[in-house]
Protein backbone atom coordinates (compact mmCIF):
# COMPACT_ATOMS: atom_id res chain seq x y z
CA MET A 1 18.67 7.70 -16.93
CA LEU A 2 18.76 4.60 -14.69
CA SER A 3 15.48 2.72 -14.77
CA PRO A 4 13.78 2.09 -11.41
CA LEU A 5 13.99 -1.69 -11.88
CA ALA A 6 17.71 -1.45 -12.60
CA ALA A 7 18.10 0.63 -9.49
CA ARG A 8 16.26 -2.02 -7.53
CA SER A 9 18.54 -4.79 -8.70
CA ASN A 10 21.76 -2.78 -8.31
CA SER A 11 21.15 -1.41 -4.82
CA ASP A 12 22.27 -3.84 -2.14
CA GLY A 13 21.74 -1.40 0.72
CA ARG A 14 24.83 -2.65 2.54
CA THR A 15 26.87 0.57 2.61
CA THR A 16 27.17 2.43 5.89
CA ARG A 17 24.67 5.26 6.16
CA ARG A 18 25.82 7.17 9.22
CA HIS A 19 27.44 9.92 7.13
CA PHE A 20 24.06 10.63 5.51
CA LEU A 21 22.25 10.93 8.79
CA ARG A 22 22.96 14.43 10.02
CA GLN A 23 21.96 15.95 6.71
CA ALA A 24 18.87 13.75 6.39
CA ALA A 25 17.68 14.39 9.93
CA GLY A 26 18.06 18.12 9.46
CA LEU A 27 16.09 17.97 6.25
CA ALA A 28 13.26 16.12 7.97
CA ALA A 29 13.23 18.58 10.85
CA ILE A 30 12.67 21.63 8.66
CA GLY A 31 10.19 19.88 6.37
CA LEU A 32 12.09 20.71 3.19
CA MET A 33 10.68 19.02 0.10
CA PRO A 34 12.77 18.19 -2.99
CA GLY A 35 12.27 20.18 -6.14
CA ILE A 36 9.54 22.34 -4.65
CA SER A 37 9.93 26.07 -5.16
CA ARG A 38 7.16 28.02 -3.49
CA ARG A 39 8.40 31.07 -5.40
CA ALA A 40 7.39 29.28 -8.60
CA PHE A 41 3.79 29.34 -7.36
CA ALA A 42 3.86 32.83 -5.89
CA ALA A 43 1.82 34.18 -8.75
CA ALA A 44 -0.81 31.53 -8.20
CA GLN A 45 -1.08 32.18 -4.47
CA GLY A 46 -3.75 34.77 -3.89
CA ASN A 47 -5.06 34.40 -7.44
CA ARG A 48 -8.83 34.41 -6.94
CA LYS A 49 -9.30 32.28 -10.05
CA LEU A 50 -7.81 29.38 -8.09
CA ASP A 51 -10.18 29.77 -5.15
CA ILE A 52 -12.24 26.70 -4.30
CA VAL A 53 -15.93 27.27 -4.98
CA LYS A 54 -17.38 23.76 -4.81
CA ILE A 55 -16.52 20.35 -3.33
CA ASP A 56 -18.52 17.22 -4.14
CA ARG A 57 -18.11 13.82 -2.44
CA THR A 58 -19.47 10.53 -3.77
CA THR A 59 -19.24 7.16 -2.03
CA VAL A 60 -18.88 4.03 -4.16
CA LYS A 61 -18.73 0.35 -3.29
CA VAL A 62 -16.53 -1.30 -5.91
CA PRO A 63 -16.60 -5.11 -6.24
CA PHE A 64 -13.42 -7.17 -5.94
CA ARG A 65 -12.36 -9.68 -8.57
CA GLU A 66 -13.16 -13.32 -7.71
CA VAL A 67 -9.82 -14.41 -6.24
CA PRO A 68 -9.23 -11.30 -4.13
CA ALA A 69 -12.86 -11.33 -2.98
CA ARG A 70 -12.71 -14.71 -1.26
CA ASN A 71 -9.49 -13.72 0.50
CA MET A 72 -10.21 -10.09 1.35
CA ASP A 73 -13.58 -11.09 2.77
CA ARG A 74 -11.93 -12.87 5.66
CA GLU A 75 -10.50 -9.79 7.39
CA ILE A 76 -10.85 -6.61 5.32
CA PRO A 77 -14.04 -6.65 3.21
CA HIS A 78 -14.43 -2.91 3.90
CA TRP A 79 -11.79 -2.08 1.29
CA ARG A 80 -14.66 -1.99 -1.20
CA TYR A 81 -15.71 1.46 0.01
CA SER A 82 -14.15 4.54 -1.56
CA GLU A 83 -15.08 8.21 -1.57
CA ILE A 84 -14.56 10.25 -4.75
CA VAL A 85 -13.85 13.93 -4.08
CA GLU A 86 -14.29 16.52 -6.85
CA VAL A 87 -13.15 20.12 -6.48
CA THR A 88 -14.24 23.03 -8.66
CA LEU A 89 -12.17 26.23 -8.81
CA ARG A 90 -13.41 29.72 -9.62
CA ASN A 91 -11.81 29.45 -13.07
CA GLY A 92 -14.17 26.54 -13.82
CA GLN A 93 -11.47 23.88 -13.66
CA THR A 94 -12.21 20.70 -11.74
CA GLY A 95 -10.00 18.07 -10.16
CA PHE A 96 -10.71 14.73 -8.55
CA GLY A 97 -9.21 12.38 -5.98
CA GLU A 98 -10.25 9.51 -3.75
CA THR A 99 -10.14 8.24 -0.19
CA LEU A 100 -10.25 4.52 0.50
CA LEU A 101 -12.60 5.17 3.38
CA TYR A 102 -11.57 2.54 5.90
CA TYR A 103 -7.90 2.16 5.08
CA THR A 104 -6.19 5.49 4.68
CA TRP A 105 -3.61 7.75 6.24
CA GLY A 106 -6.33 10.41 6.52
CA ALA A 107 -9.97 10.63 5.47
CA THR A 108 -11.51 13.91 4.35
CA GLU A 109 -14.04 15.04 6.96
CA ASP A 110 -16.85 17.60 6.81
CA ALA A 111 -14.68 20.07 8.73
CA ASP A 112 -11.95 19.76 6.08
CA VAL A 113 -14.46 20.62 3.36
CA ARG A 114 -15.69 23.66 5.27
CA ARG A 115 -12.12 24.86 5.80
CA ALA A 116 -11.21 24.42 2.14
CA LEU A 117 -14.24 26.15 0.59
CA GLY A 118 -13.29 29.68 -0.43
CA ALA A 119 -9.58 29.11 0.09
CA ASN A 120 -6.91 29.38 -2.58
CA ALA A 121 -6.15 25.86 -3.79
CA VAL A 122 -2.41 26.47 -4.16
CA GLU A 123 -2.12 27.83 -0.65
CA ILE A 124 -3.70 24.80 1.04
CA MET A 125 -2.96 21.83 -1.21
CA TRP A 126 0.19 20.86 0.72
CA ASP A 127 -1.80 20.45 3.93
CA ASP A 128 -1.95 16.69 4.54
CA GLU A 129 -4.60 17.25 7.21
CA LEU A 130 -7.15 17.77 4.43
CA GLY A 131 -7.22 14.00 3.86
CA ALA A 132 -6.41 11.84 0.87
CA GLY A 133 -9.30 12.56 -1.47
CA LEU A 134 -9.42 16.33 -1.05
CA GLN A 135 -5.66 16.83 -1.27
CA MET A 136 -5.45 14.69 -4.39
CA ALA A 137 -8.31 16.63 -6.01
CA LEU A 138 -6.66 19.97 -5.23
CA PHE A 139 -3.40 18.94 -6.89
CA ASP A 140 -5.34 17.68 -9.91
CA ALA A 141 -7.32 20.93 -10.23
CA VAL A 142 -4.27 23.17 -9.83
CA ALA A 143 -2.17 21.17 -12.27
CA ARG A 144 -4.98 21.23 -14.83
CA SER A 145 -5.29 24.99 -14.37
CA LEU A 146 -1.57 25.41 -15.02
CA GLU A 147 -1.72 22.86 -17.88
CA VAL A 148 0.99 20.69 -16.35
CA PRO A 149 1.01 17.14 -14.95
CA VAL A 150 0.81 16.76 -11.18
CA HIS A 151 4.43 15.66 -10.96
CA ALA A 152 5.51 19.11 -12.19
CA LEU A 153 4.14 20.47 -8.89
CA LEU A 154 6.03 17.85 -6.88
CA GLY A 155 9.56 18.28 -8.16
CA LYS A 156 11.94 17.53 -11.01
CA GLN A 157 11.03 14.44 -13.00
CA VAL A 158 13.79 11.83 -12.79
CA TYR A 159 11.99 8.79 -14.24
CA GLN A 160 9.83 8.39 -17.32
CA ARG A 161 8.51 5.08 -15.99
CA THR A 162 8.06 3.79 -12.47
CA PRO A 163 7.72 0.21 -11.13
CA LEU A 164 4.42 -1.20 -9.88
CA SER A 165 3.64 -4.31 -7.86
CA TRP A 166 0.58 -6.54 -8.00
CA TRP A 167 -0.98 -7.02 -4.56
CA ASN A 168 -3.23 -9.48 -2.83
CA ILE A 169 -3.69 -10.40 0.80
CA ASP A 170 -2.55 -13.82 2.07
CA THR A 171 -4.06 -16.63 0.02
CA SER A 172 -3.99 -20.36 -0.53
CA PRO A 173 -1.13 -21.59 -2.75
CA ALA A 174 -3.63 -22.17 -5.58
CA ASP A 175 -4.95 -18.62 -5.41
CA MET A 176 -1.44 -17.22 -5.23
CA VAL A 177 -0.51 -19.13 -8.37
CA ALA A 178 -3.57 -17.72 -10.14
CA GLU A 179 -2.72 -14.17 -9.10
CA CYS A 180 0.94 -14.46 -10.08
CA ARG A 181 -0.08 -15.79 -13.49
CA GLU A 182 -2.47 -12.87 -13.97
CA ALA A 183 0.09 -10.33 -12.80
CA LEU A 184 2.70 -11.63 -15.24
CA LYS A 185 0.12 -11.67 -18.04
CA GLN A 186 -0.63 -8.00 -17.40
CA GLY A 187 3.02 -6.95 -17.54
CA TYR A 188 3.94 -6.95 -13.84
CA LEU A 189 7.24 -8.30 -12.55
CA ALA A 190 6.49 -8.06 -8.83
CA TYR A 191 3.83 -9.52 -6.58
CA LYS A 192 3.41 -8.49 -2.95
CA THR A 193 1.49 -10.61 -0.49
CA LYS A 194 1.30 -11.54 3.18
CA GLY A 195 3.20 -14.26 5.00
CA ARG A 196 0.86 -15.72 7.63
CA PRO A 197 1.01 -18.69 10.03
CA TRP A 198 -2.43 -19.81 8.85
CA PHE A 199 -1.30 -20.60 5.29
CA ASP A 200 1.45 -22.92 4.07
CA LEU A 201 4.16 -20.37 3.36
CA TRP A 202 6.48 -22.90 1.70
CA ALA A 203 3.78 -24.17 -0.66
CA MET A 204 2.77 -20.61 -1.55
CA VAL A 205 6.27 -19.69 -2.69
CA ASP A 206 7.11 -23.07 -4.20
CA GLU A 207 3.98 -23.29 -6.33
CA ALA A 208 4.14 -19.64 -7.44
CA ALA A 209 7.82 -19.93 -8.38
CA LYS A 210 6.92 -22.70 -10.82
CA VAL A 211 4.77 -20.39 -12.96
CA VAL A 212 6.85 -17.18 -13.05
CA PRO A 213 10.40 -16.49 -14.27
CA ALA A 214 13.32 -15.75 -11.96
CA ASN A 215 13.10 -11.99 -12.64
CA PHE A 216 9.51 -11.93 -11.33
CA LYS A 217 9.83 -10.98 -7.67
CA ILE A 218 7.63 -12.13 -4.79
CA ASP A 219 7.74 -9.66 -1.89
CA MET A 220 6.46 -11.03 1.42
CA ASP A 221 5.03 -8.92 4.25
CA PHE A 222 5.00 -10.79 7.56
CA ASN A 223 3.59 -7.97 9.72
CA ASP A 224 5.77 -9.17 12.65
CA THR A 225 4.34 -12.73 12.66
CA LEU A 226 7.77 -14.41 12.59
CA LEU A 227 8.03 -12.96 16.11
CA THR A 228 11.76 -13.38 16.88
CA ALA A 229 14.99 -13.56 14.92
CA PRO A 230 15.98 -17.09 16.06
CA ARG A 231 12.64 -18.45 14.85
CA ALA A 232 12.51 -16.28 11.74
CA ILE A 233 15.97 -16.83 10.26
CA PRO A 234 15.65 -20.55 9.38
CA ILE A 235 12.37 -19.87 7.54
CA LEU A 236 13.73 -16.83 5.72
CA LYS A 237 16.85 -18.77 4.72
CA GLU A 238 14.69 -21.53 3.24
CA LEU A 239 12.61 -19.11 1.21
CA GLU A 240 15.58 -17.15 -0.09
CA ARG A 241 16.67 -20.19 -2.09
CA TYR A 242 14.00 -19.21 -4.62
CA PRO A 243 15.37 -16.48 -6.92
CA GLN A 244 11.85 -15.06 -7.16
CA VAL A 245 11.85 -14.04 -3.47
CA GLY A 246 12.58 -10.32 -3.59
CA ILE A 247 11.88 -8.45 -0.34
CA TYR A 248 10.86 -9.31 3.23
CA GLU A 249 8.75 -6.68 4.96
CA SER A 250 8.57 -6.47 8.77
CA PRO A 251 9.50 -10.10 9.48
CA ILE A 252 9.54 -9.41 13.23
CA PHE A 253 8.58 -6.38 15.31
CA GLN A 254 10.34 -3.34 13.88
CA SER A 255 11.17 -2.13 17.40
CA ASP A 256 13.46 -5.17 17.88
CA ILE A 257 16.74 -3.55 16.81
CA ALA A 258 19.07 -6.46 17.59
CA GLY A 259 16.70 -9.01 16.09
CA ASN A 260 16.32 -7.13 12.84
CA GLN A 261 20.07 -6.58 12.60
CA ALA A 262 20.53 -10.33 12.93
CA ILE A 263 17.95 -11.05 10.25
CA ARG A 264 19.46 -8.54 7.86
CA ALA A 265 22.91 -10.07 8.35
CA ALA A 266 21.59 -13.59 7.81
CA THR A 267 19.68 -13.23 4.53
CA ARG A 268 20.43 -12.04 1.02
CA VAL A 269 16.88 -10.71 0.75
CA PRO A 270 16.44 -6.95 1.43
CA ILE A 271 14.41 -6.03 4.51
CA ALA A 272 11.71 -3.33 4.24
CA PHE A 273 10.40 -1.32 7.20
CA HIS A 274 7.42 0.98 7.38
CA TYR A 275 9.06 4.39 7.67
CA GLY A 276 8.83 5.85 11.18
CA THR A 277 8.97 2.74 13.40
CA PRO A 278 11.51 3.04 14.87
CA ASP A 279 12.33 6.66 14.15
CA ALA A 280 14.10 7.00 10.79
CA LYS A 281 17.26 8.23 12.51
CA ILE A 282 17.40 5.04 14.58
CA ALA A 283 16.57 2.78 11.65
CA ILE A 284 19.24 4.35 9.43
CA THR A 285 21.95 4.60 12.09
CA ASN A 286 21.47 1.04 13.31
CA GLU A 287 21.14 -0.38 9.78
CA VAL A 288 18.14 -2.53 10.68
CA CYS A 289 16.62 -2.48 7.19
CA ASP A 290 17.57 -2.00 3.56
CA GLY A 291 14.71 0.30 2.60
CA PHE A 292 11.33 1.67 3.51
CA VAL A 293 7.61 1.59 2.84
CA ILE A 294 6.39 5.17 2.42
CA GLY A 295 2.84 6.48 2.23
CA GLY A 296 0.70 9.32 3.50
CA GLY A 297 -0.05 12.77 2.20
CA ALA A 298 1.94 14.69 -0.39
CA SER A 299 4.09 16.60 2.09
CA ARG A 300 4.91 13.52 4.12
CA ILE A 301 5.73 11.39 1.09
CA LEU A 302 8.12 13.96 -0.32
CA GLN A 303 9.77 14.64 3.02
CA ARG A 304 10.30 10.95 3.77
CA GLY A 305 11.33 10.20 0.22
CA THR A 306 13.99 12.89 0.45
CA VAL A 307 15.36 11.51 3.72
CA SER A 308 15.53 8.07 2.10
CA ALA A 309 17.47 9.54 -0.82
CA MET A 310 19.91 11.21 1.56
CA ALA A 311 20.45 7.85 3.25
CA ASP A 312 20.72 6.15 -0.17
CA MET A 313 17.93 3.75 0.75
CA PRO A 314 15.27 2.56 -1.72
CA PHE A 315 11.58 2.43 -0.87
CA TRP A 316 8.24 1.59 -2.35
CA LEU A 317 5.31 3.95 -2.42
CA GLN A 318 2.28 2.55 -0.61
CA VAL A 319 -0.66 4.66 -1.74
CA VAL A 320 -3.67 2.38 -1.55
CA GLY A 321 -7.01 2.57 -3.34
CA THR A 322 -8.56 2.08 -6.74
CA ASP A 323 -6.85 3.10 -9.97
CA ILE A 324 -7.39 6.75 -8.99
CA SER A 325 -4.90 6.41 -6.13
CA ALA A 326 -2.59 4.41 -8.38
CA ALA A 327 -2.57 7.29 -10.90
CA TRP A 328 -1.70 9.74 -8.11
CA SER A 329 1.14 7.47 -6.97
CA LEU A 330 2.67 7.39 -10.47
CA HIS A 331 3.51 11.09 -10.19
CA PHE A 332 5.49 10.60 -6.98
CA GLY A 333 7.30 7.68 -8.59
CA GLY A 334 8.37 10.04 -11.36
CA VAL A 335 10.09 12.58 -9.10
CA LEU A 336 11.48 10.56 -6.17
CA SER A 337 14.88 9.14 -7.06
CA HIS A 338 14.77 6.29 -4.55
CA ALA A 339 11.21 5.08 -5.24
CA THR A 340 12.81 2.15 -7.03
CA TRP A 341 11.00 -0.71 -5.31
CA PRO A 342 7.65 -1.48 -7.02
CA ALA A 343 4.81 0.68 -5.73
CA VAL A 344 1.94 -0.99 -3.88
CA ASN A 345 -1.40 0.57 -4.79
CA CYS A 346 -3.70 -2.48 -4.58
CA HIS A 347 -5.89 -1.30 -7.45
CA GLN A 348 -5.59 -4.75 -9.04
CA LEU A 349 -8.07 -6.03 -6.43
CA TYR A 350 -11.03 -4.42 -8.15
CA ALA A 351 -13.21 -5.80 -10.91
CA HIS A 352 -13.89 -2.36 -12.41
CA ARG A 353 -11.89 0.75 -13.26
CA LEU A 354 -12.88 4.18 -11.97
CA LEU A 355 -10.77 5.78 -14.71
CA THR A 356 -11.69 5.77 -18.38
CA GLU A 357 -8.31 4.32 -19.36
CA PRO A 358 -6.31 1.53 -17.71
CA ILE A 359 -2.87 2.05 -16.21
CA GLN A 360 -0.78 0.07 -18.66
CA VAL A 361 2.11 -1.96 -17.23
CA ALA A 362 4.91 -3.42 -19.33
CA GLY A 363 8.20 -4.86 -18.16
CA GLY A 364 7.12 -4.20 -14.58
CA THR A 365 6.75 -0.44 -15.03
CA ALA A 366 4.10 2.11 -15.98
CA ALA A 367 4.57 5.45 -17.68
CA VAL A 368 4.54 8.57 -15.53
CA PRO A 369 1.58 10.59 -16.92
CA GLN A 370 2.42 13.65 -19.00
CA ARG A 371 -1.05 15.06 -19.58
CA PRO A 372 -2.35 17.84 -17.32
CA GLY A 373 -3.40 16.96 -13.79
CA LEU A 374 -3.47 13.30 -12.87
CA GLY A 375 -3.44 12.53 -16.58
CA PHE A 376 -6.65 10.49 -16.45
CA GLU A 377 -10.40 11.09 -16.45
CA LEU A 378 -13.15 9.69 -14.25
CA ASN A 379 -15.28 6.85 -15.55
CA ARG A 380 -18.56 8.43 -14.52
CA ASP A 381 -20.68 5.52 -15.72
CA THR A 382 -18.84 3.15 -13.38
CA ILE A 383 -19.03 5.60 -10.50
CA GLU A 384 -22.74 6.03 -10.99
CA LYS A 385 -23.22 2.27 -11.18
CA PHE A 386 -21.58 1.66 -7.80
CA ARG A 387 -22.70 4.84 -6.03
CA ILE A 388 -24.11 4.26 -2.53
CA GLU A 389 -24.97 6.26 0.55
CA LYS A 390 -21.91 6.68 2.75
CA PRO A 391 -22.10 4.20 5.64
CA PRO A 392 -22.33 5.86 9.08
CA GLN A 393 -19.43 3.67 10.21
CA ARG A 394 -17.15 0.95 8.90
CA PRO A 395 -19.32 -2.01 7.78
CA GLU A 396 -18.59 -5.10 9.89
CA PRO A 397 -20.46 -8.19 8.61
CA LYS A 398 -20.18 -11.30 10.78
CA ARG A 399 -17.36 -13.56 9.59
CA LEU A 400 -16.21 -16.99 10.73
CA ILE A 401 -12.77 -18.27 9.73
CA ARG A 402 -11.57 -21.86 9.99
CA THR A 403 -7.88 -22.86 10.08
CA THR A 404 -6.92 -26.54 9.90
CA TRP A 405 -3.65 -28.48 10.21
CA PRO A 406 -2.81 -31.91 8.73
CA ASP A 407 -2.67 -33.50 12.19
CA GLY A 408 -6.33 -32.73 12.84
CA ARG A 409 -6.07 -29.49 14.80
CA GLU A 410 -8.63 -26.79 14.08
CA LEU A 411 -9.05 -23.15 15.01
CA LEU A 412 -12.27 -21.18 14.63
CA ILE A 413 -12.02 -17.41 14.93
CA SER A 414 -14.77 -14.82 14.51
CA ASN A 415 -14.47 -11.12 13.83
CA THR A 416 -14.52 -8.93 16.90
CA GLY A 417 -15.14 -5.48 15.44
CA GLN A 418 -11.41 -4.83 15.24
CA VAL A 419 -9.46 -4.66 11.99
CA ASN A 420 -6.80 -7.39 11.74
CA PHE A 421 -8.43 -9.44 14.48
CA MET A 422 -6.80 -12.64 13.22
CA LEU A 423 -3.41 -11.04 12.66
CA ASN A 424 -3.40 -9.60 16.17
CA LEU A 425 -4.07 -13.03 17.66
CA PHE A 426 -1.15 -14.64 15.81
CA ARG A 427 1.24 -11.85 16.77
CA GLN A 428 1.09 -13.22 20.29
CA GLU A 429 3.38 -15.89 21.70
CA GLY A 430 1.68 -19.20 22.36
CA GLN A 431 -0.29 -19.32 19.11
CA PRO A 432 0.46 -21.84 16.33
CA TYR A 433 3.56 -20.88 14.38
CA PHE A 434 4.36 -21.37 10.69
CA GLU A 435 3.84 -24.99 9.64
CA ARG A 436 3.54 -26.91 6.40
CA GLY A 437 0.11 -28.05 5.29
CA VAL A 438 -1.92 -25.47 7.20
CA HIS A 439 -4.99 -24.08 5.41
CA THR A 440 -7.52 -21.33 6.12
CA GLU A 441 -10.90 -20.47 4.66
CA LEU A 442 -13.93 -18.32 5.31
CA VAL A 443 -16.93 -20.33 6.47
CA PRO A 444 -19.94 -18.95 4.52
CA ASN A 445 -22.74 -17.59 6.66
CA ASP A 446 -25.71 -19.72 5.64
CA GLY A 447 -27.92 -18.27 8.35
CA SER A 448 -28.23 -21.62 10.12
CA GLN A 449 -28.24 -22.19 13.86
CA ARG A 450 -25.14 -24.33 13.47
CA TRP A 451 -23.24 -21.45 11.85
CA LEU A 452 -24.27 -19.13 14.69
CA GLU A 453 -23.06 -21.66 17.24
CA LEU A 454 -19.70 -21.92 15.51
CA TYR A 455 -19.52 -18.14 15.29
CA GLU A 456 -20.05 -17.84 19.05
CA ARG A 457 -17.31 -20.42 19.62
CA GLY A 458 -14.99 -18.43 17.37
CA LEU A 459 -15.35 -15.35 19.56
CA LYS A 460 -13.12 -17.21 22.04
CA PRO A 461 -10.63 -18.75 19.60
CA LYS A 462 -8.86 -21.89 20.75
CA VAL A 463 -6.98 -24.60 18.88
CA VAL A 464 -8.71 -27.97 19.33
CA LYS A 465 -8.43 -31.47 17.93
CA ARG A 466 -11.20 -32.30 15.47
């Protein structure tokens, strides 16, 4: 059995994929999922013992570790909030899942709970519209009832271990070095971060490459901020000189077919696209990327993972949350043949586990669980410690961010109520581009009049000379 990391290193993604396309597109159209036999669950469907009799939801606010905290607090502090969903079946079996409340493909709503109560868990668990936490809990409860791991419900297991990536948002070079050191110490061989015009991209990679071996890969998500191929290619060519640089995600807008083709032709580094933009048929036919980023509900992950396999294109699973979501992701990594790029779950951000046991990583991979259900148990003491009332809306504390350049320029920007308010500004032409020596930090709110004045100025961000 080929290991996922070997598959990553051996797949160059350069073969033509047009002959895969008709079959893959047809598969996507009918929603066929690999390894799933509904006949195998026919006996369970309609079995009243698998009816849902109770659904509990608990909101927790889980602290970040120190380094992630000072970086996440700039733009996405709301990732601290998670909802734990627990489902009880008529047979007495329970299952659990989670929704990262303000960053998810689908949150479980009151209407979803009402629709699920009294229903047969097997008959509805494939419905992605139920939201992340409820769907995850249903799979856990059903698998526990059948005394099998969740991956047995998803398809044939093809990997015993699956690769994981450490994740942190864009940081200073010093913080990136600290995170890469910690990732390597904990057995990871991949680190995914953001490439942003407000940090010194060259220093980030250069300093991190000094503390990790060549087989430790740094994957860089630009979220379109390189803007155009002519501007992007020189930067990407400089970074690719480091053997640690592993994958570039969305260097420019994914809709720019010609630009992405040019980038892909110009660099040795594989290009990753979020699946679906442009349509997978267009992305595969036009060979604009080497692989995909795939997330969402169980049905969508399996459908898109199967299309990727048909096109012989690798991908990473992006199922984000605490270690609960990471455990769920492991099962998909076990059954999807082309989930060979390290999964991004972001659970390394948090200072506390919500599971009683850690997900152990060695050689860049973690074992696919073999115990019933998710294969883990809830750490109820931790959940109780961080339990809160569910906020009526996404929390939006006032934040002021300062970016400075070596020549004395300064930009103040304040949050506007929109997620990615800083990213959206720098996606526009006319804003400062990637430069050496640039630095960004959160200006602490000390409650002073001066801070409030600066905050008001930051609501109309403009680069000025200090």
